Amino acid sequence: MTGPEWVPQACTLPTEEQPLRLAEWDALFAMQTAAPYRPDALRVRLELRSGPGTEQRARDLAARENGCCSFFDFTVTGTPQKVVLDIAVSEGHEAVLSALAARADRAAAPGGAR
């Protein structure tokens, strides 16, 4: 699952808007300072470079994503050094989180999708 085909039916974002939303996630993923951390199958943690607007950008994107995909649970924590984005899903949505984490992992890799 690497593209919009992994978006579950539970997502209420119109299909034509999904590529734009994925591009927003990819741009956020490009701000990572390390590869995503996966403490368990239902959670992933991303560490983003801190900078002007980074925390608000992460919060805004998380809120909009939660508006169409309510099975996500986002927590954004900002410090002067980094912004931490924790993403969790309920059972049954592990595949969606895995696909999102894979996109983030590719972006974090040297020469990744940045």
PDB file of N, CA and C in Angstrom:
ATOM      1  N   MET A   1       0.836  -1.177   0.000  1.00  0.00           N
ATOM      2  CA  MET A   1       0.000   0.000   0.000  1.00  0.00           C
ATOM      3  C   MET A   1       0.881   1.240   0.000  1.00  0.00           C
ATOM      4  N   THR A   2       0.886   1.946  -1.085  1.00  0.00           N
ATOM      5  CA  THR A   2       1.756   3.106  -1.165  1.00  0.00           C
ATOM      6  C   THR A   2       1.053   4.359  -1.650  1.00  0.00           C
ATOM      7  N   GLY A   3      -0.158   4.281  -2.046  1.00  0.00           N
ATOM      8  CA  GLY A   3      -0.834   5.453  -2.568  1.00  0.00           C
ATOM      9  C   GLY A   3      -2.255   5.514  -2.080  1.00  0.00           C
ATOM     10  N   PRO A   4      -3.069   6.319  -2.745  1.00  0.00           N
ATOM     11  CA  PRO A   4      -4.447   6.488  -2.313  1.00  0.00           C
ATOM     12  C   PRO A   4      -5.251   5.191  -2.220  1.00  0.00           C
ATOM     13  N   GLU A   5      -4.790   4.115  -2.862  1.00  0.00           N
ATOM     14  CA  GLU A   5      -5.544   2.858  -2.779  1.00  0.00           C
ATOM     15  C   GLU A   5      -5.591   2.312  -1.358  1.00  0.00           C
ATOM     16  N   TRP A   6      -4.692   2.736  -0.478  1.00  0.00           N
ATOM     17  CA  TRP A   6      -4.715   2.257   0.901  1.00  0.00           C
ATOM     18  C   TRP A   6      -5.609   3.102   1.798  1.00  0.00           C
ATOM     19  N   VAL A   7      -6.157   4.173   1.263  1.00  0.00           N
ATOM     20  CA  VAL A   7      -7.049   5.020   2.051  1.00  0.00           C
ATOM     21  C   VAL A   7      -8.333   4.239   2.315  1.00  0.00           C
ATOM     22  N   PRO A   8      -8.707   4.064   3.574  1.00  0.00           N
ATOM     23  CA  PRO A   8      -9.880   3.249   3.889  1.00  0.00           C
ATOM     24  C   PRO A   8     -11.193   3.938   3.532  1.00  0.00           C
ATOM     25  N   GLN A   9     -12.230   3.138   3.405  1.00  0.00           N
ATOM     26  CA  GLN A   9     -13.552   3.687   3.101  1.00  0.00           C
ATOM     27  C   GLN A   9     -14.051   4.594   4.215  1.00  0.00           C
ATOM     28  N   ALA A  10     -13.528   4.415   5.420  1.00  0.00           N
ATOM     29  CA  ALA A  10     -13.935   5.255   6.549  1.00  0.00           C
ATOM     30  C   ALA A  10     -13.499   6.704   6.376  1.00  0.00           C
ATOM     31  N   CYS A  11     -12.568   6.955   5.468  1.00  0.00           N
ATOM     32  CA  CYS A  11     -12.085   8.317   5.220  1.00  0.00           C
ATOM     33  C   CYS A  11     -13.148   9.086   4.442  1.00  0.00           C
ATOM     34  N   THR A  12     -13.496  10.270   4.941  1.00  0.00           N
ATOM     35  CA  THR A  12     -14.531  11.069   4.279  1.00  0.00           C
ATOM     36  C   THR A  12     -13.956  12.182   3.410  1.00  0.00           C
ATOM     37  N   LEU A  13     -12.613  12.247   3.289  1.00  0.00           N
ATOM     38  CA  LEU A  13     -12.001  13.242   2.406  1.00  0.00           C
ATOM     39  C   LEU A  13     -12.342  12.879   0.966  1.00  0.00           C
ATOM     40  N   PRO A  14     -12.859  13.828   0.183  1.00  0.00           N
ATOM     41  CA  PRO A  14     -13.186  13.511  -1.208  1.00  0.00           C
ATOM     42  C   PRO A  14     -11.974  12.945  -1.951  1.00  0.00           C
ATOM     43  N   THR A  15     -12.214  11.952  -2.781  1.00  0.00           N
ATOM     44  CA  THR A  15     -11.152  11.249  -3.502  1.00  0.00           C
ATOM     45  C   THR A  15     -10.235  12.206  -4.248  1.00  0.00           C
ATOM     46  N   GLU A  16     -10.795  13.229  -4.882  1.00  0.00           N
ATOM     47  CA  GLU A  16      -9.970  14.152  -5.660  1.00  0.00           C
ATOM     48  C   GLU A  16      -9.039  14.984  -4.776  1.00  0.00           C
ATOM     49  N   GLU A  17      -9.334  15.102  -3.481  1.00  0.00           N
ATOM     50  CA  GLU A  17      -8.482  15.865  -2.568  1.00  0.00           C
ATOM     51  C   GLU A  17      -7.398  15.006  -1.910  1.00  0.00           C
ATOM     52  N   GLN A  18      -7.512  13.690  -2.021  1.00  0.00           N
ATOM     53  CA  GLN A  18      -6.569  12.804  -1.338  1.00  0.00           C
ATOM     54  C   GLN A  18      -5.122  12.975  -1.798  1.00  0.00           C
ATOM     55  N   PRO A  19      -4.829  13.110  -3.103  1.00  0.00           N
ATOM     56  CA  PRO A  19      -3.427  13.325  -3.495  1.00  0.00           C
ATOM     57  C   PRO A  19      -2.836  14.613  -2.914  1.00  0.00           C
ATOM     58  N   LEU A  20      -3.649  15.659  -2.797  1.00  0.00           N
ATOM     59  CA  LEU A  20      -3.168  16.909  -2.206  1.00  0.00           C
ATOM     60  C   LEU A  20      -2.842  16.722  -0.729  1.00  0.00           C
ATOM     61  N   ARG A  21      -3.681  15.978  -0.025  1.00  0.00           N
ATOM     62  CA  ARG A  21      -3.434  15.721   1.395  1.00  0.00           C
ATOM     63  C   ARG A  21      -2.172  14.884   1.567  1.00  0.00           C
ATOM     64  N   LEU A  22      -1.991  13.879   0.710  1.00  0.00           N
ATOM     65  CA  LEU A  22      -0.772  13.067   0.781  1.00  0.00           C
ATOM     66  C   LEU A  22       0.466  13.926   0.540  1.00  0.00           C
ATOM     67  N   ALA A  23       0.364  14.882  -0.366  1.00  0.00           N
ATOM     68  CA  ALA A  23       1.491  15.785  -0.622  1.00  0.00           C
ATOM     69  C   ALA A  23       1.793  16.636   0.616  1.00  0.00           C
ATOM     70  N   GLU A  24       0.756  17.041   1.340  1.00  0.00           N
ATOM     71  CA  GLU A  24       0.975  17.793   2.577  1.00  0.00           C
ATOM     72  C   GLU A  24       1.696  16.939   3.612  1.00  0.00           C
ATOM     73  N   TRP A  25       1.278  15.667   3.713  1.00  0.00           N
ATOM     74  CA  TRP A  25       1.962  14.758   4.644  1.00  0.00           C
ATOM     75  C   TRP A  25       3.413  14.563   4.215  1.00  0.00           C
ATOM     76  N   ASP A  26       3.639  14.363   2.933  1.00  0.00           N
ATOM     77  CA  ASP A  26       5.009  14.169   2.443  1.00  0.00           C
ATOM     78  C   ASP A  26       5.886  15.376   2.768  1.00  0.00           C
ATOM     79  N   ALA A  27       5.338  16.578   2.622  1.00  0.00           N
ATOM     80  CA  ALA A  27       6.104  17.788   2.944  1.00  0.00           C
ATOM     81  C   ALA A  27       6.435  17.837   4.436  1.00  0.00           C
ATOM     82  N   LEU A  28       5.495  17.424   5.275  1.00  0.00           N
ATOM     83  CA  LEU A  28       5.758  17.382   6.713  1.00  0.00           C
ATOM     84  C   LEU A  28       6.795  16.301   7.027  1.00  0.00           C
ATOM     85  N   PHE A  29       6.653  15.143   6.395  1.00  0.00           N
ATOM     86  CA  PHE A  29       7.613  14.053   6.612  1.00  0.00           C
ATOM     87  C   PHE A  29       9.028  14.473   6.231  1.00  0.00           C
ATOM     88  N   ALA A  30       9.160  15.343   5.254  1.00  0.00           N
ATOM     89  CA  ALA A  30      10.482  15.797   4.812  1.00  0.00           C
ATOM     90  C   ALA A  30      11.187  16.615   5.889  1.00  0.00           C
ATOM     91  N   MET A  31      10.470  17.014   6.918  1.00  0.00           N
ATOM     92  CA  MET A  31      11.054  17.797   8.007  1.00  0.00           C
ATOM     93  C   MET A  31      11.558  16.921   9.149  1.00  0.00           C
ATOM     94  N   GLN A  32      11.546  15.605   8.967  1.00  0.00           N
ATOM     95  CA  GLN A  32      11.961  14.696  10.033  1.00  0.00           C
ATOM     96  C   GLN A  32      13.450  14.809  10.327  1.00  0.00           C
ATOM     97  N   THR A  33      13.794  14.592  11.588  1.00  0.00           N
ATOM     98  CA  THR A  33      15.196  14.580  11.997  1.00  0.00           C
ATOM     99  C   THR A  33      15.722  13.157  12.131  1.00  0.00           C
ATOM    100  N   ALA A  34      14.835  12.182  12.096  1.00  0.00           N
ATOM    101  CA  ALA A  34      15.216  10.771  12.218  1.00  0.00           C
ATOM    102  C   ALA A  34      14.120   9.928  11.588  1.00  0.00           C
ATOM    103  N   ALA A  35      14.413   8.664  11.394  1.00  0.00           N
ATOM    104  CA  ALA A  35      13.404   7.744  10.862  1.00  0.00           C
ATOM    105  C   ALA A  35      12.254   7.627  11.862  1.00  0.00           C
ATOM    106  N   PRO A  36      11.057   7.337  11.380  1.00  0.00           N
ATOM    107  CA  PRO A  36       9.925   7.156  12.284  1.00  0.00           C
ATOM    108  C   PRO A  36      10.209   6.047  13.294  1.00  0.00           C
ATOM    109  N   TYR A  37       9.699   6.222  14.495  1.00  0.00           N
ATOM    110  CA  TYR A  37       9.838   5.227  15.558  1.00  0.00           C
ATOM    111  C   TYR A  37       8.491   4.552  15.732  1.00  0.00           C
ATOM    112  N   ARG A  38       8.480   3.246  15.714  1.00  0.00           N
ATOM    113  CA  ARG A  38       7.238   2.475  15.799  1.00  0.00           C
ATOM    114  C   ARG A  38       7.240   1.666  17.096  1.00  0.00           C
ATOM    115  N   PRO A  39       6.743   2.226  18.211  1.00  0.00           N
ATOM    116  CA  PRO A  39       6.763   1.499  19.484  1.00  0.00           C
ATOM    117  C   PRO A  39       5.905   0.242  19.479  1.00  0.00           C
ATOM    118  N   ASP A  40       4.859   0.246  18.667  1.00  0.00           N
ATOM    119  CA  ASP A  40       4.038  -0.956  18.491  1.00  0.00           C
ATOM    120  C   ASP A  40       3.251  -0.807  17.193  1.00  0.00           C
ATOM    121  N   ALA A  41       2.482  -1.815  16.867  1.00  0.00           N
ATOM    122  CA  ALA A  41       1.795  -1.856  15.571  1.00  0.00           C
ATOM    123  C   ALA A  41       0.748  -0.759  15.396  1.00  0.00           C
ATOM    124  N   LEU A  42       0.285  -0.182  16.490  1.00  0.00           N
ATOM    125  CA  LEU A  42      -0.791   0.805  16.404  1.00  0.00           C
ATOM    126  C   LEU A  42      -0.324   2.236  16.653  1.00  0.00           C
ATOM    127  N   ARG A  43       1.008   2.433  16.758  1.00  0.00           N
ATOM    128  CA  ARG A  43       1.532   3.776  17.019  1.00  0.00           C
ATOM    129  C   ARG A  43       2.811   4.022  16.231  1.00  0.00           C
ATOM    130  N   VAL A  44       3.002   5.287  15.868  1.00  0.00           N
ATOM    131  CA  VAL A  44       4.252   5.726  15.240  1.00  0.00           C
ATOM    132  C   VAL A  44       4.569   7.124  15.770  1.00  0.00           C
ATOM    133  N   ARG A  45       5.862   7.391  15.942  1.00  0.00           N
ATOM    134  CA  ARG A  45       6.312   8.701  16.412  1.00  0.00           C
ATOM    135  C   ARG A  45       7.241   9.297  15.368  1.00  0.00           C
ATOM    136  N   LEU A  46       6.971  10.565  15.036  1.00  0.00           N
ATOM    137  CA  LEU A  46       7.813  11.311  14.108  1.00  0.00           C
ATOM    138  C   LEU A  46       8.431  12.483  14.853  1.00  0.00           C
ATOM    139  N   GLU A  47       9.714  12.710  14.630  1.00  0.00           N
ATOM    140  CA  GLU A  47      10.390  13.872  15.196  1.00  0.00           C
ATOM    141  C   GLU A  47      10.722  14.814  14.050  1.00  0.00           C
ATOM    142  N   LEU A  48      10.208  16.034  14.153  1.00  0.00           N
ATOM    143  CA  LEU A  48      10.364  17.040  13.104  1.00  0.00           C
ATOM    144  C   LEU A  48      11.285  18.157  13.575  1.00  0.00           C
ATOM    145  N   ARG A  49      11.981  18.766  12.621  1.00  0.00           N
ATOM    146  CA  ARG A  49      12.803  19.932  12.949  1.00  0.00           C
ATOM    147  C   ARG A  49      11.901  21.044  13.483  1.00  0.00           C
ATOM    148  N   SER A  50      12.326  21.649  14.559  1.00  0.00           N
ATOM    149  CA  SER A  50      11.588  22.779  15.095  1.00  0.00           C
ATOM    150  C   SER A  50      11.929  24.011  14.265  1.00  0.00           C
ATOM    151  N   GLY A  51      10.974  24.840  14.051  1.00  0.00           N
ATOM    152  CA  GLY A  51      11.197  26.057  13.282  1.00  0.00           C
ATOM    153  C   GLY A  51       9.925  26.876  13.274  1.00  0.00           C
ATOM    154  N   PRO A  52       9.987  28.061  12.696  1.00  0.00           N
ATOM    155  CA  PRO A  52       8.806  28.913  12.660  1.00  0.00           C
ATOM    156  C   PRO A  52       7.624  28.199  11.993  1.00  0.00           C
ATOM    157  N   GLY A  53       6.568  28.031  12.737  1.00  0.00           N
ATOM    158  CA  GLY A  53       5.351  27.456  12.188  1.00  0.00           C
ATOM    159  C   GLY A  53       5.287  25.944  12.123  1.00  0.00           C
ATOM    160  N   THR A  54       6.367  25.236  12.464  1.00  0.00           N
ATOM    161  CA  THR A  54       6.355  23.774  12.329  1.00  0.00           C
ATOM    162  C   THR A  54       5.298  23.128  13.214  1.00  0.00           C
ATOM    163  N   GLU A  55       5.266  23.531  14.481  1.00  0.00           N
ATOM    164  CA  GLU A  55       4.297  22.933  15.402  1.00  0.00           C
ATOM    165  C   GLU A  55       2.874  23.219  14.941  1.00  0.00           C
ATOM    166  N   GLN A  56       2.592  24.458  14.559  1.00  0.00           N
ATOM    167  CA  GLN A  56       1.245  24.810  14.111  1.00  0.00           C
ATOM    168  C   GLN A  56       0.881  24.077  12.828  1.00  0.00           C
ATOM    169  N   ARG A  57       1.836  23.934  11.942  1.00  0.00           N
ATOM    170  CA  ARG A  57       1.599  23.202  10.690  1.00  0.00           C
ATOM    171  C   ARG A  57       1.225  21.750  10.986  1.00  0.00           C
ATOM    172  N   ALA A  58       1.956  21.122  11.907  1.00  0.00           N
ATOM    173  CA  ALA A  58       1.657  19.735  12.285  1.00  0.00           C
ATOM    174  C   ALA A  58       0.282  19.642  12.942  1.00  0.00           C
ATOM    175  N   ARG A  59      -0.027  20.589  13.825  1.00  0.00           N
ATOM    176  CA  ARG A  59      -1.336  20.581  14.496  1.00  0.00           C
ATOM    177  C   ARG A  59      -2.478  20.767  13.489  1.00  0.00           C
ATOM    178  N   ASP A  60      -2.297  21.691  12.567  1.00  0.00           N
ATOM    179  CA  ASP A  60      -3.325  21.964  11.563  1.00  0.00           C
ATOM    180  C   ASP A  60      -3.571  20.741  10.682  1.00  0.00           C
ATOM    181  N   LEU A  61      -2.497  20.136  10.204  1.00  0.00           N
ATOM    182  CA  LEU A  61      -2.650  18.960   9.347  1.00  0.00           C
ATOM    183  C   LEU A  61      -3.286  17.808  10.120  1.00  0.00           C
ATOM    184  N   ALA A  62      -2.859  17.607  11.356  1.00  0.00           N
ATOM    185  CA  ALA A  62      -3.435  16.543  12.185  1.00  0.00           C
ATOM    186  C   ALA A  62      -4.929  16.781  12.414  1.00  0.00           C
ATOM    187  N   ALA A  63      -5.309  18.020  12.682  1.00  0.00           N
ATOM    188  CA  ALA A  63      -6.722  18.337  12.914  1.00  0.00           C
ATOM    189  C   ALA A  63      -7.556  18.095  11.660  1.00  0.00           C
ATOM    190  N   ARG A  64      -7.029  18.513  10.509  1.00  0.00           N
ATOM    191  CA  ARG A  64      -7.777  18.298   9.265  1.00  0.00           C
ATOM    192  C   ARG A  64      -7.873  16.812   8.938  1.00  0.00           C
ATOM    193  N   GLU A  65      -6.796  16.079   9.192  1.00  0.00           N
ATOM    194  CA  GLU A  65      -6.822  14.638   8.937  1.00  0.00           C
ATOM    195  C   GLU A  65      -7.825  13.953   9.858  1.00  0.00           C
ATOM    196  N   ASN A  66      -7.858  14.379  11.106  1.00  0.00           N
ATOM    197  CA  ASN A  66      -8.795  13.798  12.063  1.00  0.00           C
ATOM    198  C   ASN A  66     -10.235  14.111  11.680  1.00  0.00           C
ATOM    199  N   GLY A  67     -10.438  15.221  10.977  1.00  0.00           N
ATOM    200  CA  GLY A  67     -11.777  15.585  10.532  1.00  0.00           C
ATOM    201  C   GLY A  67     -12.351  14.635   9.502  1.00  0.00           C
ATOM    202  N   CYS A  68     -11.495  13.977   8.731  1.00  0.00           N
ATOM    203  CA  CYS A  68     -11.991  13.051   7.707  1.00  0.00           C
ATOM    204  C   CYS A  68     -11.692  11.594   8.053  1.00  0.00           C
ATOM    205  N   CYS A  69     -10.721  11.373   8.906  1.00  0.00           N
ATOM    206  CA  CYS A  69     -10.335  10.008   9.305  1.00  0.00           C
ATOM    207  C   CYS A  69     -10.284   9.963  10.825  1.00  0.00           C
ATOM    208  N   SER A  70     -11.448   9.832  11.438  1.00  0.00           N
ATOM    209  CA  SER A  70     -11.550   9.940  12.894  1.00  0.00           C
ATOM    210  C   SER A  70     -10.904   8.779  13.639  1.00  0.00           C
ATOM    211  N   PHE A  71     -10.459   7.760  12.921  1.00  0.00           N
ATOM    212  CA  PHE A  71      -9.798   6.631  13.583  1.00  0.00           C
ATOM    213  C   PHE A  71      -8.361   6.962  13.978  1.00  0.00           C
ATOM    214  N   PHE A  72      -7.835   8.106  13.511  1.00  0.00           N
ATOM    215  CA  PHE A  72      -6.500   8.551  13.910  1.00  0.00           C
ATOM    216  C   PHE A  72      -6.570   9.292  15.238  1.00  0.00           C
ATOM    217  N   ASP A  73      -5.512   9.163  16.033  1.00  0.00           N
ATOM    218  CA  ASP A  73      -5.347   9.950  17.251  1.00  0.00           C
ATOM    219  C   ASP A  73      -3.973  10.604  17.150  1.00  0.00           C
ATOM    220  N   PHE A  74      -3.941  11.924  17.077  1.00  0.00           N
ATOM    221  CA  PHE A  74      -2.695  12.668  16.922  1.00  0.00           C
ATOM    222  C   PHE A  74      -2.375  13.430  18.201  1.00  0.00           C
ATOM    223  N   THR A  75      -1.103  13.433  18.566  1.00  0.00           N
ATOM    224  CA  THR A  75      -0.615  14.257  19.662  1.00  0.00           C
ATOM    225  C   THR A  75       0.618  14.990  19.154  1.00  0.00           C
ATOM    226  N   VAL A  76       0.593  16.313  19.255  1.00  0.00           N
ATOM    227  CA  VAL A  76       1.721  17.137  18.809  1.00  0.00           C
ATOM    228  C   VAL A  76       2.322  17.806  20.036  1.00  0.00           C
ATOM    229  N   THR A  77       3.628  17.638  20.199  1.00  0.00           N
ATOM    230  CA  THR A  77       4.350  18.236  21.314  1.00  0.00           C
ATOM    231  C   THR A  77       5.527  19.021  20.761  1.00  0.00           C
ATOM    232  N   GLY A  78       5.588  20.304  21.088  1.00  0.00           N
ATOM    233  CA  GLY A  78       6.672  21.133  20.577  1.00  0.00           C
ATOM    234  C   GLY A  78       7.659  21.531  21.655  1.00  0.00           C
ATOM    235  N   THR A  79       8.930  21.529  21.301  1.00  0.00           N
ATOM    236  CA  THR A  79      10.001  22.038  22.154  1.00  0.00           C
ATOM    237  C   THR A  79      10.859  22.939  21.264  1.00  0.00           C
ATOM    238  N   PRO A  80      11.776  23.696  21.847  1.00  0.00           N
ATOM    239  CA  PRO A  80      12.651  24.514  20.998  1.00  0.00           C
ATOM    240  C   PRO A  80      13.502  23.677  20.036  1.00  0.00           C
ATOM    241  N   GLN A  81      13.788  22.426  20.396  1.00  0.00           N
ATOM    242  CA  GLN A  81      14.649  21.586  19.571  1.00  0.00           C
ATOM    243  C   GLN A  81      13.904  20.789  18.505  1.00  0.00           C
ATOM    244  N   LYS A  82      12.672  20.379  18.795  1.00  0.00           N
ATOM    245  CA  LYS A  82      11.951  19.521  17.857  1.00  0.00           C
ATOM    246  C   LYS A  82      10.453  19.576  18.111  1.00  0.00           C
ATOM    247  N   VAL A  83       9.724  19.073  17.135  1.00  0.00           N
ATOM    248  CA  VAL A  83       8.281  18.882  17.255  1.00  0.00           C
ATOM    249  C   VAL A  83       8.046  17.384  17.122  1.00  0.00           C
ATOM    250  N   VAL A  84       7.367  16.814  18.110  1.00  0.00           N
ATOM    251  CA  VAL A  84       7.086  15.380  18.100  1.00  0.00           C
ATOM    252  C   VAL A  84       5.627  15.187  17.705  1.00  0.00           C
ATOM    253  N   LEU A  85       5.418  14.348  16.708  1.00  0.00           N
ATOM    254  CA  LEU A  85       4.073  14.009  16.251  1.00  0.00           C
ATOM    255  C   LEU A  85       3.855  12.528  16.507  1.00  0.00           C
ATOM    256  N   ASP A  86       2.986  12.226  17.466  1.00  0.00           N
ATOM    257  CA  ASP A  86       2.615  10.843  17.756  1.00  0.00           C
ATOM    258  C   ASP A  86       1.300  10.552  17.051  1.00  0.00           C
ATOM    259  N   ILE A  87       1.267   9.441  16.334  1.00  0.00           N
ATOM    260  CA  ILE A  87       0.073   9.037  15.595  1.00  0.00           C
ATOM    261  C   ILE A  87      -0.312   7.647  16.068  1.00  0.00           C
ATOM    262  N   ALA A  88      -1.571   7.481  16.434  1.00  0.00           N
ATOM    263  CA  ALA A  88      -2.073   6.179  16.864  1.00  0.00           C
ATOM    264  C   ALA A  88      -3.372   5.884  16.125  1.00  0.00           C
ATOM    265  N   VAL A  89      -3.651   4.609  15.976  1.00  0.00           N
ATOM    266  CA  VAL A  89      -4.903   4.167  15.370  1.00  0.00           C
ATOM    267  C   VAL A  89      -5.478   3.040  16.213  1.00  0.00           C
ATOM    268  N   SER A  90      -6.746   2.788  16.019  1.00  0.00           N
ATOM    269  CA  SER A  90      -7.386   1.662  16.687  1.00  0.00           C
ATOM    270  C   SER A  90      -7.133   0.396  15.879  1.00  0.00           C
ATOM    271  N   GLU A  91      -7.358  -0.742  16.520  1.00  0.00           N
ATOM    272  CA  GLU A  91      -7.225  -2.002  15.794  1.00  0.00           C
ATOM    273  C   GLU A  91      -8.155  -1.955  14.592  1.00  0.00           C
ATOM    274  N   GLY A  92      -7.736  -2.573  13.531  1.00  0.00           N
ATOM    275  CA  GLY A  92      -8.515  -2.539  12.305  1.00  0.00           C
ATOM    276  C   GLY A  92      -8.006  -1.495  11.324  1.00  0.00           C
ATOM    277  N   HIS A  93      -7.167  -0.578  11.803  1.00  0.00           N
ATOM    278  CA  HIS A  93      -6.598   0.455  10.932  1.00  0.00           C
ATOM    279  C   HIS A  93      -5.075   0.406  10.912  1.00  0.00           C
ATOM    280  N   GLU A  94      -4.527  -0.703  11.353  1.00  0.00           N
ATOM    281  CA  GLU A  94      -3.075  -0.875  11.379  1.00  0.00           C
ATOM    282  C   GLU A  94      -2.469  -0.730   9.985  1.00  0.00           C
ATOM    283  N   ALA A  95      -3.142  -1.236   8.957  1.00  0.00           N
ATOM    284  CA  ALA A  95      -2.612  -1.162   7.588  1.00  0.00           C
ATOM    285  C   ALA A  95      -2.489   0.285   7.119  1.00  0.00           C
ATOM    286  N   VAL A  96      -3.426   1.133   7.514  1.00  0.00           N
ATOM    287  CA  VAL A  96      -3.374   2.546   7.135  1.00  0.00           C
ATOM    288  C   VAL A  96      -2.174   3.213   7.811  1.00  0.00           C
ATOM    289  N   LEU A  97      -1.992   2.923   9.101  1.00  0.00           N
ATOM    290  CA  LEU A  97      -0.849   3.488   9.813  1.00  0.00           C
ATOM    291  C   LEU A  97       0.459   2.972   9.220  1.00  0.00           C
ATOM    292  N   SER A  98       0.497   1.713   8.862  1.00  0.00           N
ATOM    293  CA  SER A  98       1.708   1.137   8.260  1.00  0.00           C
ATOM    294  C   SER A  98       2.050   1.832   6.947  1.00  0.00           C
ATOM    295  N   ALA A  99       1.042   2.103   6.139  1.00  0.00           N
ATOM    296  CA  ALA A  99       1.279   2.788   4.864  1.00  0.00           C
ATOM    297  C   ALA A  99       1.770   4.214   5.099  1.00  0.00           C
ATOM    298  N   LEU A 100       1.175   4.901   6.065  1.00  0.00           N
ATOM    299  CA  LEU A 100       1.611   6.259   6.384  1.00  0.00           C
ATOM    300  C   LEU A 100       3.041   6.247   6.932  1.00  0.00           C
ATOM    301  N   ALA A 101       3.343   5.295   7.802  1.00  0.00           N
ATOM    302  CA  ALA A 101       4.694   5.177   8.364  1.00  0.00           C
ATOM    303  C   ALA A 101       5.714   4.849   7.278  1.00  0.00           C
ATOM    304  N   ALA A 102       5.325   4.044   6.299  1.00  0.00           N
ATOM    305  CA  ALA A 102       6.234   3.705   5.198  1.00  0.00           C
ATOM    306  C   ALA A 102       6.558   4.949   4.371  1.00  0.00           C
ATOM    307  N   ARG A 103       5.561   5.800   4.145  1.00  0.00           N
ATOM    308  CA  ARG A 103       5.812   7.060   3.424  1.00  0.00           C
ATOM    309  C   ARG A 103       6.770   7.936   4.224  1.00  0.00           C
ATOM    310  N   ALA A 104       6.551   7.998   5.528  1.00  0.00           N
ATOM    311  CA  ALA A 104       7.428   8.797   6.389  1.00  0.00           C
ATOM    312  C   ALA A 104       8.840   8.226   6.396  1.00  0.00           C
ATOM    313  N   ASP A 105       8.949   6.912   6.410  1.00  0.00           N
ATOM    314  CA  ASP A 105      10.258   6.258   6.415  1.00  0.00           C
ATOM    315  C   ASP A 105      11.024   6.557   5.126  1.00  0.00           C
ATOM    316  N   ARG A 106      10.332   6.514   4.000  1.00  0.00           N
ATOM    317  CA  ARG A 106      10.979   6.837   2.719  1.00  0.00           C
ATOM    318  C   ARG A 106      11.468   8.283   2.709  1.00  0.00           C
ATOM    319  N   ALA A 107      10.682   9.178   3.283  1.00  0.00           N
ATOM    320  CA  ALA A 107      11.072  10.588   3.320  1.00  0.00           C
ATOM    321  C   ALA A 107      12.278  10.809   4.226  1.00  0.00           C
ATOM    322  N   ALA A 108      12.403   9.994   5.277  1.00  0.00           N
ATOM    323  CA  ALA A 108      13.514  10.147   6.226  1.00  0.00           C
ATOM    324  C   ALA A 108      14.805   9.535   5.712  1.00  0.00           C
ATOM    325  N   ALA A 109      14.714   8.635   4.737  1.00  0.00           N
ATOM    326  CA  ALA A 109      15.907   7.962   4.213  1.00  0.00           C
ATOM    327  C   ALA A 109      16.774   8.950   3.437  1.00  0.00           C
ATOM    328  N   PRO A 110      18.100   8.753   3.463  1.00  0.00           N
ATOM    329  CA  PRO A 110      18.970   9.626   2.664  1.00  0.00           C
ATOM    330  C   PRO A 110      18.531   9.607   1.199  1.00  0.00           C
ATOM    331  N   GLY A 111      18.339  10.792   0.642  1.00  0.00           N
ATOM    332  CA  GLY A 111      17.881  10.891  -0.741  1.00  0.00           C
ATOM    333  C   GLY A 111      16.422  10.538  -0.898  1.00  0.00           C
ATOM    334  N   GLY A 112      15.686  10.500   0.231  1.00  0.00           N
ATOM    335  CA  GLY A 112      14.273  10.118   0.212  1.00  0.00           C
ATOM    336  C   GLY A 112      13.417  11.143  -0.492  1.00  0.00           C
ATOM    337  N   ALA A 113      12.128  10.936  -0.420  1.00  0.00           N
ATOM    338  CA  ALA A 113      11.150  11.798  -1.097  1.00  0.00           C
ATOM    339  C   ALA A 113      11.049  13.134  -0.381  1.00  0.00           C
ATOM    340  N   ARG A 114      12.032  13.955  -0.538  1.00  0.00           N
ATOM    341  CA  ARG A 114      12.022  15.264   0.126  1.00  0.00           C
ATOM    342  C   ARG A 114      11.791  16.358  -0.860  1.00  0.00           C
TER     343      ARG A 114
END
